[in-house]
């Protein structure tokens, strides 16, 4: 929840155009916060500029995780595939570590 509130604050306070918060593995949503995490991740993906491939590649797996945890394997798999597509060609070690369980 702390990370979600931090992201909300950063957006509300006009983060620089090239500074968009990313959710990390330590921000994994607990079941009671999953709905809020899903909504905020969906909004972050919708609001993010198209050129922010790295940001999308970080946020999509978390949204996929939330969707899968809610019991929707079809949508979760679709989001997971989008995450892998977004990550193609990126060389971020942190991103590759986050996506390792998806292999």
PDB file of N, CA and C in Angstrom:
ATOM      1  N   UNK A   1       0.826  -1.194   0.000  1.00  0.00           N
ATOM      2  CA  UNK A   1       0.000   0.000   0.000  1.00  0.00           C
ATOM      3  C   UNK A   1       0.866   1.253   0.000  1.00  0.00           C
ATOM      4  N   UNK A   2       2.002   1.187   0.697  1.00  0.00           N
ATOM      5  CA  UNK A   2       2.893   2.341   0.732  1.00  0.00           C
ATOM      6  C   UNK A   2       3.335   2.717  -0.674  1.00  0.00           C
ATOM      7  N   UNK A   3       3.713   1.723  -1.458  1.00  0.00           N
ATOM      8  CA  UNK A   3       4.165   1.986  -2.826  1.00  0.00           C
ATOM      9  C   UNK A   3       3.029   2.542  -3.683  1.00  0.00           C
ATOM     10  N   UNK A   4       1.827   2.041  -3.489  1.00  0.00           N
ATOM     11  CA  UNK A   4       0.683   2.550  -4.253  1.00  0.00           C
ATOM     12  C   UNK A   4       0.410   4.012  -3.906  1.00  0.00           C
ATOM     13  N   UNK A   5       0.476   4.327  -2.615  1.00  0.00           N
ATOM     14  CA  UNK A   5       0.263   5.715  -2.200  1.00  0.00           C
ATOM     15  C   UNK A   5       1.384   6.612  -2.714  1.00  0.00           C
ATOM     16  N   UNK A   6       2.628   6.095  -2.695  1.00  0.00           N
ATOM     17  CA  UNK A   6       3.748   6.872  -3.208  1.00  0.00           C
ATOM     18  C   UNK A   6       3.546   7.187  -4.685  1.00  0.00           C
ATOM     19  N   UNK A   7       3.129   6.176  -5.447  1.00  0.00           N
ATOM     20  CA  UNK A   7       2.889   6.383  -6.879  1.00  0.00           C
ATOM     21  C   UNK A   7       1.792   7.411  -7.097  1.00  0.00           C
ATOM     22  N   UNK A   8       0.726   7.306  -6.325  1.00  0.00           N
ATOM     23  CA  UNK A   8      -0.373   8.259  -6.446  1.00  0.00           C
ATOM     24  C   UNK A   8       0.108   9.679  -6.133  1.00  0.00           C
ATOM     25  N   UNK A   9       0.914   9.824  -5.071  1.00  0.00           N
ATOM     26  CA  UNK A   9       1.446  11.134  -4.711  1.00  0.00           C
ATOM     27  C   UNK A   9       2.347  11.696  -5.798  1.00  0.00           C
ATOM     28  N   UNK A  10       3.195  10.848  -6.379  1.00  0.00           N
ATOM     29  CA  UNK A  10       4.094  11.313  -7.422  1.00  0.00           C
ATOM     30  C   UNK A  10       3.318  11.797  -8.636  1.00  0.00           C
ATOM     31  N   UNK A  11       2.275  11.072  -9.016  1.00  0.00           N
ATOM     32  CA  UNK A  11       1.451  11.526 -10.135  1.00  0.00           C
ATOM     33  C   UNK A  11       0.723  12.816  -9.776  1.00  0.00           C
ATOM     34  N   UNK A  12       0.196  12.888  -8.568  1.00  0.00           N
ATOM     35  CA  UNK A  12      -0.568  14.061  -8.142  1.00  0.00           C
ATOM     36  C   UNK A  12       0.306  15.306  -8.069  1.00  0.00           C
ATOM     37  N   UNK A  13       1.569  15.135  -7.730  1.00  0.00           N
ATOM     38  CA  UNK A  13       2.467  16.279  -7.589  1.00  0.00           C
ATOM     39  C   UNK A  13       3.251  16.560  -8.855  1.00  0.00           C
ATOM     40  N   UNK A  14       2.762  16.026  -9.971  1.00  0.00           N
ATOM     41  CA  UNK A  14       3.344  16.364 -11.261  1.00  0.00           C
ATOM     42  C   UNK A  14       4.762  15.874 -11.452  1.00  0.00           C
ATOM     43  N   UNK A  15       4.957  14.592 -11.350  1.00  0.00           N
ATOM     44  CA  UNK A  15       6.281  14.027 -11.613  1.00  0.00           C
ATOM     45  C   UNK A  15       6.762  14.493 -12.976  1.00  0.00           C
ATOM     46  N   UNK A  16       8.053  14.657 -13.104  1.00  0.00           N
ATOM     47  CA  UNK A  16       8.629  15.053 -14.382  1.00  0.00           C
ATOM     48  C   UNK A  16       8.154  14.091 -15.461  1.00  0.00           C
ATOM     49  N   UNK A  17       8.089  14.559 -16.693  1.00  0.00           N
ATOM     50  CA  UNK A  17       7.559  13.745 -17.784  1.00  0.00           C
ATOM     51  C   UNK A  17       8.309  12.429 -17.936  1.00  0.00           C
ATOM     52  N   UNK A  18       9.617  12.414 -17.633  1.00  0.00           N
ATOM     53  CA  UNK A  18      10.385  11.185 -17.794  1.00  0.00           C
ATOM     54  C   UNK A  18      10.478  10.386 -16.502  1.00  0.00           C
ATOM     55  N   UNK A  19       9.737  10.793 -15.472  1.00  0.00           N
ATOM     56  CA  UNK A  19       9.763  10.080 -14.204  1.00  0.00           C
ATOM     57  C   UNK A  19       8.375   9.521 -13.913  1.00  0.00           C
ATOM     58  N   UNK A  20       8.170   8.286 -14.234  1.00  0.00           N
ATOM     59  CA  UNK A  20       6.890   7.635 -13.960  1.00  0.00           C
ATOM     60  C   UNK A  20       7.166   6.483 -13.009  1.00  0.00           C
ATOM     61  N   UNK A  21       6.459   6.416 -11.879  1.00  0.00           N
ATOM     62  CA  UNK A  21       6.719   5.364 -10.915  1.00  0.00           C
ATOM     63  C   UNK A  21       6.473   3.980 -11.508  1.00  0.00           C
ATOM     64  N   UNK A  22       7.289   3.043 -11.089  1.00  0.00           N
ATOM     65  CA  UNK A  22       7.132   1.657 -11.502  1.00  0.00           C
ATOM     66  C   UNK A  22       6.890   0.834 -10.248  1.00  0.00           C
ATOM     67  N   UNK A  23       6.133  -0.201 -10.380  1.00  0.00           N
ATOM     68  CA  UNK A  23       5.884  -1.087  -9.269  1.00  0.00           C
ATOM     69  C   UNK A  23       6.944  -2.163  -9.304  1.00  0.00           C
ATOM     70  N   UNK A  24       7.499  -2.492  -8.151  1.00  0.00           N
ATOM     71  CA  UNK A  24       8.568  -3.487  -8.087  1.00  0.00           C
ATOM     72  C   UNK A  24       8.082  -4.725  -7.358  1.00  0.00           C
ATOM     73  N   UNK A  25       8.888  -5.784  -7.403  1.00  0.00           N
ATOM     74  CA  UNK A  25       8.522  -7.047  -6.778  1.00  0.00           C
ATOM     75  C   UNK A  25       8.171  -6.853  -5.300  1.00  0.00           C
ATOM     76  N   UNK A  26       8.847  -5.926  -4.609  1.00  0.00           N
ATOM     77  CA  UNK A  26       8.551  -5.706  -3.195  1.00  0.00           C
ATOM     78  C   UNK A  26       7.192  -5.048  -2.986  1.00  0.00           C
ATOM     79  N   UNK A  27       6.574  -4.569  -4.068  1.00  0.00           N
ATOM     80  CA  UNK A  27       5.262  -3.926  -3.984  1.00  0.00           C
ATOM     81  C   UNK A  27       4.119  -4.912  -4.223  1.00  0.00           C
ATOM     82  N   UNK A  28       4.412  -6.184  -4.234  1.00  0.00           N
ATOM     83  CA  UNK A  28       3.419  -7.203  -4.552  1.00  0.00           C
ATOM     84  C   UNK A  28       2.139  -6.998  -3.746  1.00  0.00           C
ATOM     85  N   UNK A  29       0.999  -6.920  -4.412  1.00  0.00           N
ATOM     86  CA  UNK A  29      -0.252  -6.621  -3.700  1.00  0.00           C
ATOM     87  C   UNK A  29      -0.767  -7.808  -2.907  1.00  0.00           C
ATOM     88  N   UNK A  30      -1.122  -7.550  -1.667  1.00  0.00           N
ATOM     89  CA  UNK A  30      -1.734  -8.571  -0.839  1.00  0.00           C
ATOM     90  C   UNK A  30      -3.181  -8.723  -1.296  1.00  0.00           C
ATOM     91  N   UNK A  31      -3.789  -9.879  -1.037  1.00  0.00           N
ATOM     92  CA  UNK A  31      -5.159 -10.108  -1.529  1.00  0.00           C
ATOM     93  C   UNK A  31      -6.155  -9.004  -1.176  1.00  0.00           C
ATOM     94  N   UNK A  32      -6.065  -8.449  -0.003  1.00  0.00           N
ATOM     95  CA  UNK A  32      -7.064  -7.443   0.381  1.00  0.00           C
ATOM     96  C   UNK A  32      -6.858  -6.117  -0.353  1.00  0.00           C
ATOM     97  N   UNK A  33      -5.705  -5.939  -1.004  1.00  0.00           N
ATOM     98  CA  UNK A  33      -5.425  -4.706  -1.739  1.00  0.00           C
ATOM     99  C   UNK A  33      -5.408  -4.923  -3.251  1.00  0.00           C
ATOM    100  N   UNK A  34      -5.731  -6.115  -3.667  1.00  0.00           N
ATOM    101  CA  UNK A  34      -5.604  -6.475  -5.082  1.00  0.00           C
ATOM    102  C   UNK A  34      -6.496  -5.623  -5.991  1.00  0.00           C
ATOM    103  N   UNK A  35      -7.720  -5.374  -5.593  1.00  0.00           N
ATOM    104  CA  UNK A  35      -8.623  -4.562  -6.428  1.00  0.00           C
ATOM    105  C   UNK A  35      -8.059  -3.168  -6.645  1.00  0.00           C
ATOM    106  N   UNK A  36      -7.576  -2.576  -5.571  1.00  0.00           N
ATOM    107  CA  UNK A  36      -7.008  -1.232  -5.670  1.00  0.00           C
ATOM    108  C   UNK A  36      -5.734  -1.260  -6.522  1.00  0.00           C
ATOM    109  N   UNK A  37      -4.901  -2.273  -6.344  1.00  0.00           N
ATOM    110  CA  UNK A  37      -3.683  -2.391  -7.144  1.00  0.00           C
ATOM    111  C   UNK A  37      -4.034  -2.550  -8.616  1.00  0.00           C
ATOM    112  N   UNK A  38      -5.006  -3.391  -8.911  1.00  0.00           N
ATOM    113  CA  UNK A  38      -5.417  -3.599 -10.306  1.00  0.00           C
ATOM    114  C   UNK A  38      -5.909  -2.305 -10.935  1.00  0.00           C
ATOM    115  N   UNK A  39      -6.719  -1.571 -10.197  1.00  0.00           N
ATOM    116  CA  UNK A  39      -7.253  -0.312 -10.720  1.00  0.00           C
ATOM    117  C   UNK A  39      -6.139   0.696 -10.975  1.00  0.00           C
ATOM    118  N   UNK A  40      -5.210   0.791 -10.049  1.00  0.00           N
ATOM    119  CA  UNK A  40      -4.130   1.769 -10.206  1.00  0.00           C
ATOM    120  C   UNK A  40      -3.149   1.357 -11.300  1.00  0.00           C
ATOM    121  N   UNK A  41      -2.869   0.074 -11.405  1.00  0.00           N
ATOM    122  CA  UNK A  41      -1.996  -0.391 -12.486  1.00  0.00           C
ATOM    123  C   UNK A  41      -2.648  -0.159 -13.841  1.00  0.00           C
ATOM    124  N   UNK A  42      -3.930  -0.449 -13.931  1.00  0.00           N
ATOM    125  CA  UNK A  42      -4.659  -0.220 -15.178  1.00  0.00           C
ATOM    126  C   UNK A  42      -4.613   1.255 -15.549  1.00  0.00           C
ATOM    127  N   UNK A  43      -4.810   2.123 -14.568  1.00  0.00           N
ATOM    128  CA  UNK A  43      -4.763   3.567 -14.813  1.00  0.00           C
ATOM    129  C   UNK A  43      -3.363   4.006 -15.214  1.00  0.00           C
ATOM    130  N   UNK A  44      -2.336   3.495 -14.541  1.00  0.00           N
ATOM    131  CA  UNK A  44      -0.956   3.855 -14.882  1.00  0.00           C
ATOM    132  C   UNK A  44      -0.624   3.437 -16.307  1.00  0.00           C
ATOM    133  N   UNK A  45      -1.105   2.270 -16.710  1.00  0.00           N
ATOM    134  CA  UNK A  45      -0.865   1.802 -18.077  1.00  0.00           C
ATOM    135  C   UNK A  45      -1.619   2.655 -19.087  1.00  0.00           C
ATOM    136  N   UNK A  46      -2.822   3.067 -18.744  1.00  0.00           N
ATOM    137  CA  UNK A  46      -3.624   3.888 -19.653  1.00  0.00           C
ATOM    138  C   UNK A  46      -3.053   5.301 -19.773  1.00  0.00           C
ATOM    139  N   UNK A  47      -2.533   5.841 -18.673  1.00  0.00           N
ATOM    140  CA  UNK A  47      -2.026   7.209 -18.652  1.00  0.00           C
ATOM    141  C   UNK A  47      -0.593   7.337 -19.141  1.00  0.00           C
ATOM    142  N   UNK A  48       0.146   6.230 -19.121  1.00  0.00           N
ATOM    143  CA  UNK A  48       1.556   6.288 -19.503  1.00  0.00           C
ATOM    144  C   UNK A  48       1.735   6.560 -20.986  1.00  0.00           C
ATOM    145  N   UNK A  49       2.732   7.366 -21.330  1.00  0.00           N
ATOM    146  CA  UNK A  49       3.002   7.636 -22.742  1.00  0.00           C
ATOM    147  C   UNK A  49       3.346   6.346 -23.487  1.00  0.00           C
ATOM    148  N   UNK A  50       2.992   6.277 -24.756  1.00  0.00           N
ATOM    149  CA  UNK A  50       3.237   5.074 -25.549  1.00  0.00           C
ATOM    150  C   UNK A  50       4.706   4.701 -25.609  1.00  0.00           C
ATOM    151  N   UNK A  51       5.585   5.671 -25.535  1.00  0.00           N
ATOM    152  CA  UNK A  51       7.013   5.407 -25.637  1.00  0.00           C
ATOM    153  C   UNK A  51       7.645   4.864 -24.372  1.00  0.00           C
ATOM    154  N   UNK A  52       6.891   4.742 -23.315  1.00  0.00           N
ATOM    155  CA  UNK A  52       7.428   4.273 -22.032  1.00  0.00           C
ATOM    156  C   UNK A  52       7.379   2.752 -21.962  1.00  0.00           C
ATOM    157  N   UNK A  53       8.127   2.111 -22.843  1.00  0.00           N
ATOM    158  CA  UNK A  53       8.097   0.658 -22.964  1.00  0.00           C
ATOM    159  C   UNK A  53       8.573  -0.006 -21.672  1.00  0.00           C
ATOM    160  N   UNK A  54       9.623   0.528 -21.082  1.00  0.00           N
ATOM    161  CA  UNK A  54      10.158  -0.073 -19.853  1.00  0.00           C
ATOM    162  C   UNK A  54       9.122  -0.012 -18.731  1.00  0.00           C
ATOM    163  N   UNK A  55       8.451   1.116 -18.609  1.00  0.00           N
ATOM    164  CA  UNK A  55       7.411   1.248 -17.585  1.00  0.00           C
ATOM    165  C   UNK A  55       6.304   0.222 -17.819  1.00  0.00           C
ATOM    166  N   UNK A  56       5.853   0.097 -19.058  1.00  0.00           N
ATOM    167  CA  UNK A  56       4.812  -0.884 -19.379  1.00  0.00           C
ATOM    168  C   UNK A  56       5.293  -2.298 -19.046  1.00  0.00           C
ATOM    169  N   UNK A  57       6.555  -2.569 -19.377  1.00  0.00           N
ATOM    170  CA  UNK A  57       7.108  -3.903 -19.137  1.00  0.00           C
ATOM    171  C   UNK A  57       7.188  -4.224 -17.648  1.00  0.00           C
ATOM    172  N   UNK A  58       7.295  -3.216 -16.796  1.00  0.00           N
ATOM    173  CA  UNK A  58       7.280  -3.442 -15.348  1.00  0.00           C
ATOM    174  C   UNK A  58       5.858  -3.563 -14.820  1.00  0.00           C
ATOM    175  N   UNK A  59       4.945  -2.747 -15.310  1.00  0.00           N
ATOM    176  CA  UNK A  59       3.585  -2.717 -14.759  1.00  0.00           C
ATOM    177  C   UNK A  59       2.698  -3.850 -15.263  1.00  0.00           C
ATOM    178  N   UNK A  60       2.884  -4.275 -16.503  1.00  0.00           N
ATOM    179  CA  UNK A  60       2.027  -5.338 -17.058  1.00  0.00           C
ATOM    180  C   UNK A  60       2.116  -6.653 -16.283  1.00  0.00           C
ATOM    181  N   UNK A  61       3.312  -7.117 -15.875  1.00  0.00           N
ATOM    182  CA  UNK A  61       3.337  -8.384 -15.125  1.00  0.00           C
ATOM    183  C   UNK A  61       2.616  -8.293 -13.786  1.00  0.00           C
ATOM    184  N   UNK A  62       2.662  -7.105 -13.159  1.00  0.00           N
ATOM    185  CA  UNK A  62       1.956  -6.971 -11.889  1.00  0.00           C
ATOM    186  C   UNK A  62       0.452  -6.997 -12.087  1.00  0.00           C
ATOM    187  N   UNK A  63      -0.001  -6.371 -13.158  1.00  0.00           N
ATOM    188  CA  UNK A  63      -1.427  -6.433 -13.448  1.00  0.00           C
ATOM    189  C   UNK A  63      -1.821  -7.865 -13.804  1.00  0.00           C
ATOM    190  N   UNK A  64      -0.983  -8.547 -14.570  1.00  0.00           N
ATOM    191  CA  UNK A  64      -1.253  -9.955 -14.901  1.00  0.00           C
ATOM    192  C   UNK A  64      -1.336 -10.803 -13.634  1.00  0.00           C
ATOM    193  N   UNK A  65      -0.437 -10.549 -12.694  1.00  0.00           N
ATOM    194  CA  UNK A  65      -0.431 -11.288 -11.427  1.00  0.00           C
ATOM    195  C   UNK A  65      -1.733 -11.074 -10.668  1.00  0.00           C
ATOM    196  N   UNK A  66      -2.181  -9.819 -10.614  1.00  0.00           N
ATOM    197  CA  UNK A  66      -3.445  -9.517  -9.925  1.00  0.00           C
ATOM    198  C   UNK A  66      -4.612 -10.223 -10.598  1.00  0.00           C
ATOM    199  N   UNK A  67      -4.655 -10.166 -11.919  1.00  0.00           N
ATOM    200  CA  UNK A  67      -5.752 -10.771 -12.676  1.00  0.00           C
ATOM    201  C   UNK A  67      -5.746 -12.293 -12.502  1.00  0.00           C
ATOM    202  N   UNK A  68      -4.566 -12.893 -12.557  1.00  0.00           N
ATOM    203  CA  UNK A  68      -4.470 -14.343 -12.342  1.00  0.00           C
ATOM    204  C   UNK A  68      -4.913 -14.718 -10.930  1.00  0.00           C
ATOM    205  N   UNK A  69      -4.497 -13.923  -9.941  1.00  0.00           N
ATOM    206  CA  UNK A  69      -4.866 -14.197  -8.555  1.00  0.00           C
ATOM    207  C   UNK A  69      -6.369 -14.068  -8.331  1.00  0.00           C
ATOM    208  N   UNK A  70      -7.025 -13.268  -9.149  1.00  0.00           N
ATOM    209  CA  UNK A  70      -8.480 -13.117  -9.050  1.00  0.00           C
ATOM    210  C   UNK A  70      -9.217 -14.243  -9.764  1.00  0.00           C
ATOM    211  N   UNK A  71      -8.472 -15.120 -10.450  1.00  0.00           N
ATOM    212  CA  UNK A  71      -9.104 -16.283 -11.061  1.00  0.00           C
ATOM    213  C   UNK A  71      -9.460 -16.132 -12.527  1.00  0.00           C
ATOM    214  N   UNK A  72      -8.796 -15.233 -13.242  1.00  0.00           N
ATOM    215  CA  UNK A  72      -9.064 -15.047 -14.668  1.00  0.00           C
ATOM    216  C   UNK A  72      -7.808 -15.417 -15.465  1.00  0.00           C
ATOM    217  N   UNK A  73      -7.603 -16.720 -15.716  1.00  0.00           N
ATOM    218  CA  UNK A  73      -6.374 -17.155 -16.390  1.00  0.00           C
ATOM    219  C   UNK A  73      -6.258 -16.664 -17.829  1.00  0.00           C
ATOM    220  N   UNK A  74      -7.353 -16.513 -18.537  1.00  0.00           N
ATOM    221  CA  UNK A  74      -7.287 -16.064 -19.929  1.00  0.00           C
ATOM    222  C   UNK A  74      -6.772 -14.634 -20.012  1.00  0.00           C
ATOM    223  N   UNK A  75      -7.364 -13.728 -19.248  1.00  0.00           N
ATOM    224  CA  UNK A  75      -6.921 -12.329 -19.254  1.00  0.00           C
ATOM    225  C   UNK A  75      -5.520 -12.196 -18.666  1.00  0.00           C
ATOM    226  N   UNK A  76      -5.236 -12.978 -17.623  1.00  0.00           N
ATOM    227  CA  UNK A  76      -3.913 -12.939 -17.006  1.00  0.00           C
ATOM    228  C   UNK A  76      -2.825 -13.370 -17.980  1.00  0.00           C
ATOM    229  N   UNK A  77      -3.095 -14.428 -18.740  1.00  0.00           N
ATOM    230  CA  UNK A  77      -2.134 -14.893 -19.737  1.00  0.00           C
ATOM    231  C   UNK A  77      -1.958 -13.862 -20.845  1.00  0.00           C
ATOM    232  N   UNK A  78      -3.054 -13.234 -21.245  1.00  0.00           N
ATOM    233  CA  UNK A  78      -2.979 -12.198 -22.280  1.00  0.00           C
ATOM    234  C   UNK A  78      -2.098 -11.038 -21.797  1.00  0.00           C
ATOM    235  N   UNK A  79      -2.300 -10.587 -20.569  1.00  0.00           N
ATOM    236  CA  UNK A  79      -1.488  -9.507 -20.011  1.00  0.00           C
ATOM    237  C   UNK A  79      -0.028  -9.927 -19.865  1.00  0.00           C
ATOM    238  N   UNK A  80       0.186 -11.178 -19.459  1.00  0.00           N
ATOM    239  CA  UNK A  80       1.553 -11.694 -19.342  1.00  0.00           C
ATOM    240  C   UNK A  80       2.267 -11.699 -20.685  1.00  0.00           C
ATOM    241  N   UNK A  81       1.551 -12.083 -21.733  1.00  0.00           N
ATOM    242  CA  UNK A  81       2.136 -12.058 -23.075  1.00  0.00           C
ATOM    243  C   UNK A  81       2.435 -10.629 -23.517  1.00  0.00           C
ATOM    244  N   UNK A  82       1.572  -9.696 -23.145  1.00  0.00           N
ATOM    245  CA  UNK A  82       1.836  -8.283 -23.455  1.00  0.00           C
ATOM    246  C   UNK A  82       3.097  -7.809 -22.742  1.00  0.00           C
ATOM    247  N   UNK A  83       3.279  -8.267 -21.504  1.00  0.00           N
ATOM    248  CA  UNK A  83       4.471  -7.892 -20.739  1.00  0.00           C
ATOM    249  C   UNK A  83       5.728  -8.414 -21.421  1.00  0.00           C
ATOM    250  N   UNK A  84       5.681  -9.660 -21.858  1.00  0.00           N
ATOM    251  CA  UNK A  84       6.846 -10.245 -22.537  1.00  0.00           C
ATOM    252  C   UNK A  84       7.116  -9.528 -23.852  1.00  0.00           C
ATOM    253  N   UNK A  85       6.063  -9.182 -24.584  1.00  0.00           N
ATOM    254  CA  UNK A  85       6.233  -8.428 -25.826  1.00  0.00           C
ATOM    255  C   UNK A  85       6.861  -7.062 -25.555  1.00  0.00           C
ATOM    256  N   UNK A  86       6.406  -6.402 -24.491  1.00  0.00           N
ATOM    257  CA  UNK A  86       6.941  -5.083 -24.146  1.00  0.00           C
ATOM    258  C   UNK A  86       8.407  -5.170 -23.738  1.00  0.00           C
ATOM    259  N   UNK A  87       8.811  -6.303 -23.177  1.00  0.00           N
ATOM    260  CA  UNK A  87      10.179  -6.460 -22.688  1.00  0.00           C
ATOM    261  C   UNK A  87      11.171  -6.858 -23.779  1.00  0.00           C
ATOM    262  N   UNK A  88      10.674  -7.319 -24.910  1.00  0.00           N
ATOM    263  CA  UNK A  88      11.584  -7.727 -25.982  1.00  0.00           C
ATOM    264  C   UNK A  88      12.492  -6.564 -26.372  1.00  0.00           C
ATOM    265  N   UNK A  89      13.758  -6.820 -26.393  1.00  0.00           N
ATOM    266  CA  UNK A  89      14.716  -5.796 -26.783  1.00  0.00           C
ATOM    267  C   UNK A  89      15.211  -4.925 -25.642  1.00  0.00           C
ATOM    268  N   UNK A  90      14.581  -4.999 -24.485  1.00  0.00           N
ATOM    269  CA  UNK A  90      15.058  -4.236 -23.332  1.00  0.00           C
ATOM    270  C   UNK A  90      16.156  -5.020 -22.635  1.00  0.00           C
ATOM    271  N   UNK A  91      17.097  -4.320 -22.057  1.00  0.00           N
ATOM    272  CA  UNK A  91      18.215  -5.004 -21.395  1.00  0.00           C
ATOM    273  C   UNK A  91      18.308  -4.672 -19.911  1.00  0.00           C
ATOM    274  N   UNK A  92      17.255  -4.210 -19.335  1.00  0.00           N
ATOM    275  CA  UNK A  92      17.244  -3.858 -17.917  1.00  0.00           C
ATOM    276  C   UNK A  92      17.399  -5.115 -17.064  1.00  0.00           C
ATOM    277  N   UNK A  93      18.493  -5.233 -16.287  1.00  0.00           N
ATOM    278  CA  UNK A  93      18.653  -6.408 -15.421  1.00  0.00           C
ATOM    279  C   UNK A  93      17.510  -6.563 -14.428  1.00  0.00           C
ATOM    280  N   UNK A  94      17.015  -5.439 -13.896  1.00  0.00           N
ATOM    281  CA  UNK A  94      15.913  -5.499 -12.931  1.00  0.00           C
ATOM    282  C   UNK A  94      14.650  -6.037 -13.590  1.00  0.00           C
ATOM    283  N   UNK A  95      14.396  -5.620 -14.824  1.00  0.00           N
ATOM    284  CA  UNK A  95      13.222  -6.102 -15.547  1.00  0.00           C
ATOM    285  C   UNK A  95      13.349  -7.591 -15.841  1.00  0.00           C
ATOM    286  N   UNK A  96      14.515  -8.007 -16.282  1.00  0.00           N
ATOM    287  CA  UNK A  96      14.718  -9.423 -16.579  1.00  0.00           C
ATOM    288  C   UNK A  96      14.546 -10.283 -15.333  1.00  0.00           C
ATOM    289  N   UNK A  97      14.990  -9.788 -14.192  1.00  0.00           N
ATOM    290  CA  UNK A  97      14.801 -10.513 -12.927  1.00  0.00           C
ATOM    291  C   UNK A  97      13.318 -10.607 -12.588  1.00  0.00           C
ATOM    292  N   UNK A  98      12.582  -9.518 -12.796  1.00  0.00           N
ATOM    293  CA  UNK A  98      11.143  -9.529 -12.496  1.00  0.00           C
ATOM    294  C   UNK A  98      10.400 -10.505 -13.391  1.00  0.00           C
ATOM    295  N   UNK A  99      10.790 -10.589 -14.646  1.00  0.00           N
ATOM    296  CA  UNK A  99      10.090 -11.441 -15.596  1.00  0.00           C
ATOM    297  C   UNK A  99      10.550 -12.905 -15.570  1.00  0.00           C
ATOM    298  N   UNK A 100      11.600 -13.195 -14.835  1.00  0.00           N
ATOM    299  CA  UNK A 100      12.139 -14.575 -14.801  1.00  0.00           C
ATOM    300  C   UNK A 100      11.079 -15.630 -14.484  1.00  0.00           C
ATOM    301  N   UNK A 101      10.171 -15.404 -13.534  1.00  0.00           N
ATOM    302  CA  UNK A 101       9.165 -16.435 -13.262  1.00  0.00           C
ATOM    303  C   UNK A 101       8.199 -16.668 -14.421  1.00  0.00           C
ATOM    304  N   UNK A 102       8.147 -15.755 -15.382  1.00  0.00           N
ATOM    305  CA  UNK A 102       7.229 -15.875 -16.512  1.00  0.00           C
ATOM    306  C   UNK A 102       7.742 -16.818 -17.582  1.00  0.00           C
ATOM    307  N   UNK A 103       9.012 -17.173 -17.507  1.00  0.00           N
ATOM    308  CA  UNK A 103       9.604 -18.026 -18.546  1.00  0.00           C
ATOM    309  C   UNK A 103       9.050 -19.417 -18.516  1.00  0.00           C
TER     310      UNK A 103
END
